[in-house]
Amino acid sequence: MTLDDATGRRRGSRALPVESPVDTAMVLSAEPFTLLLAERDERGVAAVLAYPDGDADPVSVPLSTEDEDLMLREVGGDDFRARPALPATVIGNTLVVATQKPGGYDADHVSAYSLGDGRRLWRAGVDGVAALVSTAPDRVAVLGPNGRLRTFATADGDRIGEDDGVMVTTNRLAGRTQLLRADGTWIVVNGDGTKEPPLYGLR
């Protein structure tokens, strides 16, 4: 269902393309409207869906392809009721997401997919992904578990920017870490209850 953000009135609705109970449904972006959707039945939908304006069918980016899995399958676990920090972001009409080898456990790449037609645009190798965030209309930052920052151009995956390669922290980072950029400061939010500080920043 779509609501007018000024009046709250209903603007329209679309039925989800599912045939079994939904295991995960999470909005990744409002513009364009992008939904992470996974049915409980393994034969059902498991994809990121981008809905174009009008009544056209949504563009689908499967969570599993022949050579990689998008690291979004486990975000809806029953043991974590709040919305987790996702290893994915939508920048314009592009989905940038941490990926792993099929059946793997750790991210070894960051991939970008077009939300206009579902094609993969580029793929870049990384040494794990603790956090991923958009920092500009043309840039995405990836924080590795070792605390090293990588910055990529959204259009082609090239490494860019003066912050590329800097160490944000020397602490080993766990999963569900969140990376933020505000007023020239990198802010790291620890997702797990460890001995490390829950929140710290670096200029």
C-alpha atoms as a PDB file:
ATOM      1  CA  MET A   1       0.000   0.000   0.000  1.00  0.00           C
ATOM      2  CA  THR A   2       1.213   3.518  -0.877  1.00  0.00           C
ATOM      3  CA  LEU A   3       0.231   6.552   1.166  1.00  0.00           C
ATOM      4  CA  ASP A   4       0.550  10.245   0.363  1.00  0.00           C
ATOM      5  CA  ASP A   5       3.181  11.557   2.771  1.00  0.00           C
ATOM      6  CA  ALA A   6       1.478  14.970   2.951  1.00  0.00           C
ATOM      7  CA  THR A   7      -2.106  13.851   3.670  1.00  0.00           C
ATOM      8  CA  GLY A   8      -1.848  10.191   4.675  1.00  0.00           C
ATOM      9  CA  ARG A   9      -4.399   9.279   2.039  1.00  0.00           C
ATOM     10  CA  ARG A  10      -4.124   5.989   0.250  1.00  0.00           C
ATOM     11  CA  ARG A  11      -2.654   6.386  -3.226  1.00  0.00           C
ATOM     12  CA  GLY A  12      -2.691   2.764  -4.314  1.00  0.00           C
ATOM     13  CA  SER A  13      -1.863  -0.816  -3.474  1.00  0.00           C
ATOM     14  CA  ARG A  14      -0.293  -3.856  -5.117  1.00  0.00           C
ATOM     15  CA  ALA A  15      -0.635  -7.504  -4.194  1.00  0.00           C
ATOM     16  CA  LEU A  16       2.627  -9.215  -3.328  1.00  0.00           C
ATOM     17  CA  PRO A  17       3.639 -11.942  -5.837  1.00  0.00           C
ATOM     18  CA  VAL A  18       3.533 -14.727  -3.241  1.00  0.00           C
ATOM     19  CA  GLU A  19       1.740 -18.047  -2.840  1.00  0.00           C
ATOM     20  CA  SER A  20       2.905 -19.053   0.650  1.00  0.00           C
ATOM     21  CA  PRO A  21       3.364 -17.238   3.997  1.00  0.00           C
ATOM     22  CA  VAL A  22       5.920 -14.425   3.921  1.00  0.00           C
ATOM     23  CA  ASP A  23       9.022 -15.010   6.016  1.00  0.00           C
ATOM     24  CA  THR A  24      10.683 -11.633   5.411  1.00  0.00           C
ATOM     25  CA  ALA A  25       9.270  -8.371   4.068  1.00  0.00           C
ATOM     26  CA  MET A  26      11.346  -5.234   4.544  1.00  0.00           C
ATOM     27  CA  VAL A  27      11.385  -1.897   2.745  1.00  0.00           C
ATOM     28  CA  LEU A  28      14.866  -1.044   1.456  1.00  0.00           C
ATOM     29  CA  SER A  29      13.942   2.236  -0.225  1.00  0.00           C
ATOM     30  CA  ALA A  30      10.901   4.446  -0.683  1.00  0.00           C
ATOM     31  CA  GLU A  31      12.119   6.042  -3.926  1.00  0.00           C
ATOM     32  CA  PRO A  32      12.147   3.897  -5.926  1.00  0.00           C
ATOM     33  CA  PHE A  33       9.991   1.642  -3.774  1.00  0.00           C
ATOM     34  CA  THR A  34      12.197  -1.378  -3.158  1.00  0.00           C
ATOM     35  CA  LEU A  35      11.214  -4.384  -1.081  1.00  0.00           C
ATOM     36  CA  LEU A  36      13.161  -7.325   0.308  1.00  0.00           C
ATOM     37  CA  LEU A  37      10.766 -10.259   0.071  1.00  0.00           C
ATOM     38  CA  ALA A  38      11.197 -13.929   0.958  1.00  0.00           C
ATOM     39  CA  GLU A  39       8.491 -16.573   1.205  1.00  0.00           C
ATOM     40  CA  ARG A  40       8.676 -19.306   3.803  1.00  0.00           C
ATOM     41  CA  ASP A  41       8.406 -21.943   1.080  1.00  0.00           C
ATOM     42  CA  GLU A  42      11.871 -22.420  -0.433  1.00  0.00           C
ATOM     43  CA  ARG A  43      10.269 -22.656  -3.877  1.00  0.00           C
ATOM     44  CA  GLY A  44       8.694 -19.220  -3.479  1.00  0.00           C
ATOM     45  CA  VAL A  45       9.929 -15.702  -4.067  1.00  0.00           C
ATOM     46  CA  ALA A  46      13.292 -14.759  -2.541  1.00  0.00           C
ATOM     47  CA  ALA A  47      14.338 -11.487  -4.111  1.00  0.00           C
ATOM     48  CA  VAL A  48      14.694  -7.744  -3.927  1.00  0.00           C
ATOM     49  CA  LEU A  49      11.748  -6.247  -5.818  1.00  0.00           C
ATOM     50  CA  ALA A  50      11.801  -2.730  -7.280  1.00  0.00           C
ATOM     51  CA  TYR A  51       8.406  -1.297  -8.213  1.00  0.00           C
ATOM     52  CA  PRO A  52       8.337   1.179 -11.106  1.00  0.00           C
ATOM     53  CA  ASP A  53       5.703   3.899 -11.369  1.00  0.00           C
ATOM     54  CA  GLY A  54       2.405   2.735 -12.799  1.00  0.00           C
ATOM     55  CA  ASP A  55       1.186  -0.834 -13.017  1.00  0.00           C
ATOM     56  CA  ALA A  56       4.268  -2.476 -14.509  1.00  0.00           C
ATOM     57  CA  ASP A  57       5.549  -5.673 -12.900  1.00  0.00           C
ATOM     58  CA  PRO A  58       8.310  -5.224 -10.329  1.00  0.00           C
ATOM     59  CA  VAL A  59      11.925  -5.713 -11.333  1.00  0.00           C
ATOM     60  CA  SER A  60      13.394  -8.698  -9.489  1.00  0.00           C
ATOM     61  CA  VAL A  61      16.939  -9.211  -8.206  1.00  0.00           C
ATOM     62  CA  PRO A  62      17.115 -12.812  -6.884  1.00  0.00           C
ATOM     63  CA  LEU A  63      18.788 -13.375  -3.539  1.00  0.00           C
ATOM     64  CA  SER A  64      20.681 -16.284  -5.093  1.00  0.00           C
ATOM     65  CA  THR A  65      22.325 -16.404  -8.518  1.00  0.00           C
ATOM     66  CA  GLU A  66      24.663 -18.893 -10.186  1.00  0.00           C
ATOM     67  CA  ASP A  67      27.814 -17.287  -8.803  1.00  0.00           C
ATOM     68  CA  GLU A  68      26.771 -15.362  -5.682  1.00  0.00           C
ATOM     69  CA  ASP A  69      24.240 -14.998  -2.882  1.00  0.00           C
ATOM     70  CA  LEU A  70      23.033 -11.623  -1.665  1.00  0.00           C
ATOM     71  CA  MET A  71      23.639 -11.400   2.079  1.00  0.00           C
ATOM     72  CA  LEU A  72      20.039 -10.530   2.885  1.00  0.00           C
ATOM     73  CA  ARG A  73      18.515 -13.936   3.614  1.00  0.00           C
ATOM     74  CA  GLU A  74      19.041 -13.933   7.389  1.00  0.00           C
ATOM     75  CA  VAL A  75      17.921 -10.409   8.248  1.00  0.00           C
ATOM     76  CA  GLY A  76      14.451 -11.406   9.381  1.00  0.00           C
ATOM     77  CA  GLY A  77      15.339 -13.830  12.151  1.00  0.00           C
ATOM     78  CA  ASP A  78      12.907 -14.230  15.060  1.00  0.00           C
ATOM     79  CA  ASP A  79      15.655 -13.525  17.599  1.00  0.00           C
ATOM     80  CA  PHE A  80      16.113  -9.909  16.474  1.00  0.00           C
ATOM     81  CA  ARG A  81      12.878  -7.946  16.551  1.00  0.00           C
ATOM     82  CA  ALA A  82      14.272  -4.529  15.675  1.00  0.00           C
ATOM     83  CA  ARG A  83      15.277  -3.713  12.113  1.00  0.00           C
ATOM     84  CA  PRO A  84      18.916  -4.797  11.707  1.00  0.00           C
ATOM     85  CA  ALA A  85      21.621  -2.793   9.980  1.00  0.00           C
ATOM     86  CA  LEU A  86      21.492  -4.164   6.451  1.00  0.00           C
ATOM     87  CA  PRO A  87      24.570  -4.894   4.307  1.00  0.00           C
ATOM     88  CA  ALA A  88      22.835  -3.143   1.411  1.00  0.00           C
ATOM     89  CA  THR A  89      21.793   0.300   0.244  1.00  0.00           C
ATOM     90  CA  VAL A  90      19.783   1.801  -2.615  1.00  0.00           C
ATOM     91  CA  ILE A  91      21.404   4.758  -4.385  1.00  0.00           C
ATOM     92  CA  GLY A  92      19.227   6.236  -7.088  1.00  0.00           C
ATOM     93  CA  ASN A  93      18.234   3.307  -9.264  1.00  0.00           C
ATOM     94  CA  THR A  94      21.044   1.027  -8.065  1.00  0.00           C
ATOM     95  CA  LEU A  95      21.126  -1.622  -5.335  1.00  0.00           C
ATOM     96  CA  VAL A  96      24.576  -2.070  -3.763  1.00  0.00           C
ATOM     97  CA  VAL A  97      24.813  -5.157  -1.561  1.00  0.00           C
ATOM     98  CA  ALA A  98      27.314  -7.446   0.157  1.00  0.00           C
ATOM     99  CA  THR A  99      27.523 -10.846  -1.549  1.00  0.00           C
ATOM    100  CA  GLN A 100      29.120 -14.199  -0.903  1.00  0.00           C
ATOM    101  CA  LYS A 101      29.877 -17.369  -2.796  1.00  0.00           C
ATOM    102  CA  PRO A 102      26.838 -19.671  -3.096  1.00  0.00           C
ATOM    103  CA  GLY A 103      26.454 -21.481   0.206  1.00  0.00           C
ATOM    104  CA  GLY A 104      29.172 -19.359   1.834  1.00  0.00           C
ATOM    105  CA  TYR A 105      29.174 -17.661   5.227  1.00  0.00           C
ATOM    106  CA  ASP A 106      31.214 -14.469   4.790  1.00  0.00           C
ATOM    107  CA  ALA A 107      30.999 -11.634   2.310  1.00  0.00           C
ATOM    108  CA  ASP A 108      33.775 -11.690  -0.280  1.00  0.00           C
ATOM    109  CA  HIS A 109      32.358  -9.166  -2.741  1.00  0.00           C
ATOM    110  CA  VAL A 110      30.210  -6.069  -3.035  1.00  0.00           C
ATOM    111  CA  SER A 111      27.901  -6.079  -6.057  1.00  0.00           C
ATOM    112  CA  ALA A 112      25.689  -3.470  -7.692  1.00  0.00           C
ATOM    113  CA  TYR A 113      22.440  -4.267  -9.479  1.00  0.00           C
ATOM    114  CA  SER A 114      20.250  -2.098 -11.667  1.00  0.00           C
ATOM    115  CA  LEU A 115      16.738  -1.674 -10.280  1.00  0.00           C
ATOM    116  CA  GLY A 116      15.601  -0.806 -13.781  1.00  0.00           C
ATOM    117  CA  ASP A 117      16.193  -4.245 -15.295  1.00  0.00           C
ATOM    118  CA  GLY A 118      17.808  -6.425 -12.573  1.00  0.00           C
ATOM    119  CA  ARG A 119      21.228  -6.674 -14.284  1.00  0.00           C
ATOM    120  CA  ARG A 120      24.399  -6.811 -12.252  1.00  0.00           C
ATOM    121  CA  LEU A 121      26.393  -3.673 -13.040  1.00  0.00           C
ATOM    122  CA  TRP A 122      29.673  -4.434 -11.292  1.00  0.00           C
ATOM    123  CA  ARG A 123      31.301  -6.615  -8.669  1.00  0.00           C
ATOM    124  CA  ALA A 124      34.287  -5.793  -6.446  1.00  0.00           C
ATOM    125  CA  GLY A 125      36.252  -8.088  -4.145  1.00  0.00           C
ATOM    126  CA  VAL A 126      36.464  -7.239  -0.439  1.00  0.00           C
ATOM    127  CA  ASP A 127      37.868  -8.824   2.717  1.00  0.00           C
ATOM    128  CA  GLY A 128      34.511  -9.111   4.441  1.00  0.00           C
ATOM    129  CA  VAL A 129      31.749  -6.580   5.089  1.00  0.00           C
ATOM    130  CA  ALA A 130      30.872  -5.354   8.586  1.00  0.00           C
ATOM    131  CA  ALA A 131      28.848  -2.362   7.365  1.00  0.00           C
ATOM    132  CA  LEU A 132      27.826  -0.691   4.127  1.00  0.00           C
ATOM    133  CA  VAL A 133      26.358   2.791   3.613  1.00  0.00           C
ATOM    134  CA  SER A 134      25.714   5.362   0.907  1.00  0.00           C
ATOM    135  CA  THR A 135      27.717   8.533   1.565  1.00  0.00           C
ATOM    136  CA  ALA A 136      26.855  10.512  -1.585  1.00  0.00           C
ATOM    137  CA  PRO A 137      24.717  10.129  -4.725  1.00  0.00           C
ATOM    138  CA  ASP A 138      27.725   8.604  -6.496  1.00  0.00           C
ATOM    139  CA  ARG A 139      29.528   6.805  -3.672  1.00  0.00           C
ATOM    140  CA  VAL A 140      29.184   3.885  -1.267  1.00  0.00           C
ATOM    141  CA  ALA A 141      31.394   3.112   1.729  1.00  0.00           C
ATOM    142  CA  VAL A 142      32.158  -0.414   2.904  1.00  0.00           C
ATOM    143  CA  LEU A 143      33.653  -1.104   6.334  1.00  0.00           C
ATOM    144  CA  GLY A 144      35.532  -4.376   6.687  1.00  0.00           C
ATOM    145  CA  PRO A 145      35.592  -6.528   9.842  1.00  0.00           C
ATOM    146  CA  ASN A 146      39.195  -5.385  10.376  1.00  0.00           C
ATOM    147  CA  GLY A 147      38.083  -1.736  10.550  1.00  0.00           C
ATOM    148  CA  ARG A 148      39.410  -0.698   7.129  1.00  0.00           C
ATOM    149  CA  LEU A 149      37.196   1.500   4.963  1.00  0.00           C
ATOM    150  CA  ARG A 150      36.729   1.112   1.210  1.00  0.00           C
ATOM    151  CA  THR A 151      34.850   3.648  -0.912  1.00  0.00           C
ATOM    152  CA  PHE A 152      33.455   2.738  -4.331  1.00  0.00           C
ATOM    153  CA  ALA A 153      31.908   4.695  -7.185  1.00  0.00           C
ATOM    154  CA  THR A 154      28.270   3.686  -7.507  1.00  0.00           C
ATOM    155  CA  ALA A 155      28.367   3.719 -11.310  1.00  0.00           C
ATOM    156  CA  ASP A 156      31.267   1.342 -11.962  1.00  0.00           C
ATOM    157  CA  GLY A 157      32.730   0.083  -8.666  1.00  0.00           C
ATOM    158  CA  ASP A 158      36.013   1.978  -9.013  1.00  0.00           C
ATOM    159  CA  ARG A 159      37.773   2.847  -5.743  1.00  0.00           C
ATOM    160  CA  ILE A 160      37.557   6.594  -5.159  1.00  0.00           C
ATOM    161  CA  GLY A 161      37.831   9.256  -2.475  1.00  0.00           C
ATOM    162  CA  GLU A 162      40.371  10.424   0.081  1.00  0.00           C
ATOM    163  CA  ASP A 163      38.908   8.113   2.739  1.00  0.00           C
ATOM    164  CA  ASP A 164      39.471   4.968   0.692  1.00  0.00           C
ATOM    165  CA  GLY A 165      41.757   2.610   2.599  1.00  0.00           C
ATOM    166  CA  VAL A 166      41.753   4.440   5.953  1.00  0.00           C
ATOM    167  CA  MET A 167      41.408   2.580   9.244  1.00  0.00           C
ATOM    168  CA  VAL A 168      38.227   3.674  11.028  1.00  0.00           C
ATOM    169  CA  THR A 169      38.919   1.460  14.027  1.00  0.00           C
ATOM    170  CA  THR A 170      41.435  -1.184  15.107  1.00  0.00           C
ATOM    171  CA  ASN A 171      38.712  -3.156  16.909  1.00  0.00           C
ATOM    172  CA  ARG A 172      37.478  -6.355  15.299  1.00  0.00           C
ATOM    173  CA  LEU A 173      33.928  -5.693  14.141  1.00  0.00           C
ATOM    174  CA  ALA A 174      31.090  -8.176  14.392  1.00  0.00           C
ATOM    175  CA  GLY A 175      28.019  -8.527  12.218  1.00  0.00           C
ATOM    176  CA  ARG A 176      25.137  -6.041  12.326  1.00  0.00           C
ATOM    177  CA  THR A 177      27.509  -3.140  12.670  1.00  0.00           C
ATOM    178  CA  GLN A 178      26.143   0.153  11.348  1.00  0.00           C
ATOM    179  CA  LEU A 179      28.259   2.789   9.622  1.00  0.00           C
ATOM    180  CA  LEU A 180      27.079   6.409   9.432  1.00  0.00           C
ATOM    181  CA  ARG A 181      28.536   9.569   7.937  1.00  0.00           C
ATOM    182  CA  ALA A 182      27.638  12.915   9.545  1.00  0.00           C
ATOM    183  CA  ASP A 183      29.380  16.311   9.426  1.00  0.00           C
ATOM    184  CA  GLY A 184      32.660  14.851   8.232  1.00  0.00           C
ATOM    185  CA  THR A 185      32.708  12.142  10.918  1.00  0.00           C
ATOM    186  CA  TRP A 186      32.543   8.367  10.466  1.00  0.00           C
ATOM    187  CA  ILE A 187      30.305   6.901  13.171  1.00  0.00           C
ATOM    188  CA  VAL A 188      30.395   3.177  13.962  1.00  0.00           C
ATOM    189  CA  VAL A 189      27.506   1.615  15.882  1.00  0.00           C
ATOM    190  CA  ASN A 190      28.323  -1.802  17.327  1.00  0.00           C
ATOM    191  CA  GLY A 191      25.444  -4.185  16.744  1.00  0.00           C
ATOM    192  CA  ASP A 192      26.433  -6.848  19.258  1.00  0.00           C
ATOM    193  CA  GLY A 193      26.839  -6.548  22.994  1.00  0.00           C
ATOM    194  CA  THR A 194      30.620  -6.877  23.294  1.00  0.00           C
ATOM    195  CA  LYS A 195      33.316  -5.261  25.406  1.00  0.00           C
ATOM    196  CA  GLU A 196      33.898  -2.721  22.627  1.00  0.00           C
ATOM    197  CA  PRO A 197      32.237   0.718  22.850  1.00  0.00           C
ATOM    198  CA  PRO A 198      28.656   0.669  21.539  1.00  0.00           C
ATOM    199  CA  LEU A 199      29.254   3.881  19.567  1.00  0.00           C
ATOM    200  CA  TYR A 200      32.346   5.746  18.444  1.00  0.00           C
ATOM    201  CA  GLY A 201      33.363   8.205  15.734  1.00  0.00           C
ATOM    202  CA  LEU A 202      36.424   9.171  13.727  1.00  0.00           C
ATOM    203  CA  ARG A 203      37.092  12.374  11.791  1.00  0.00           C
END
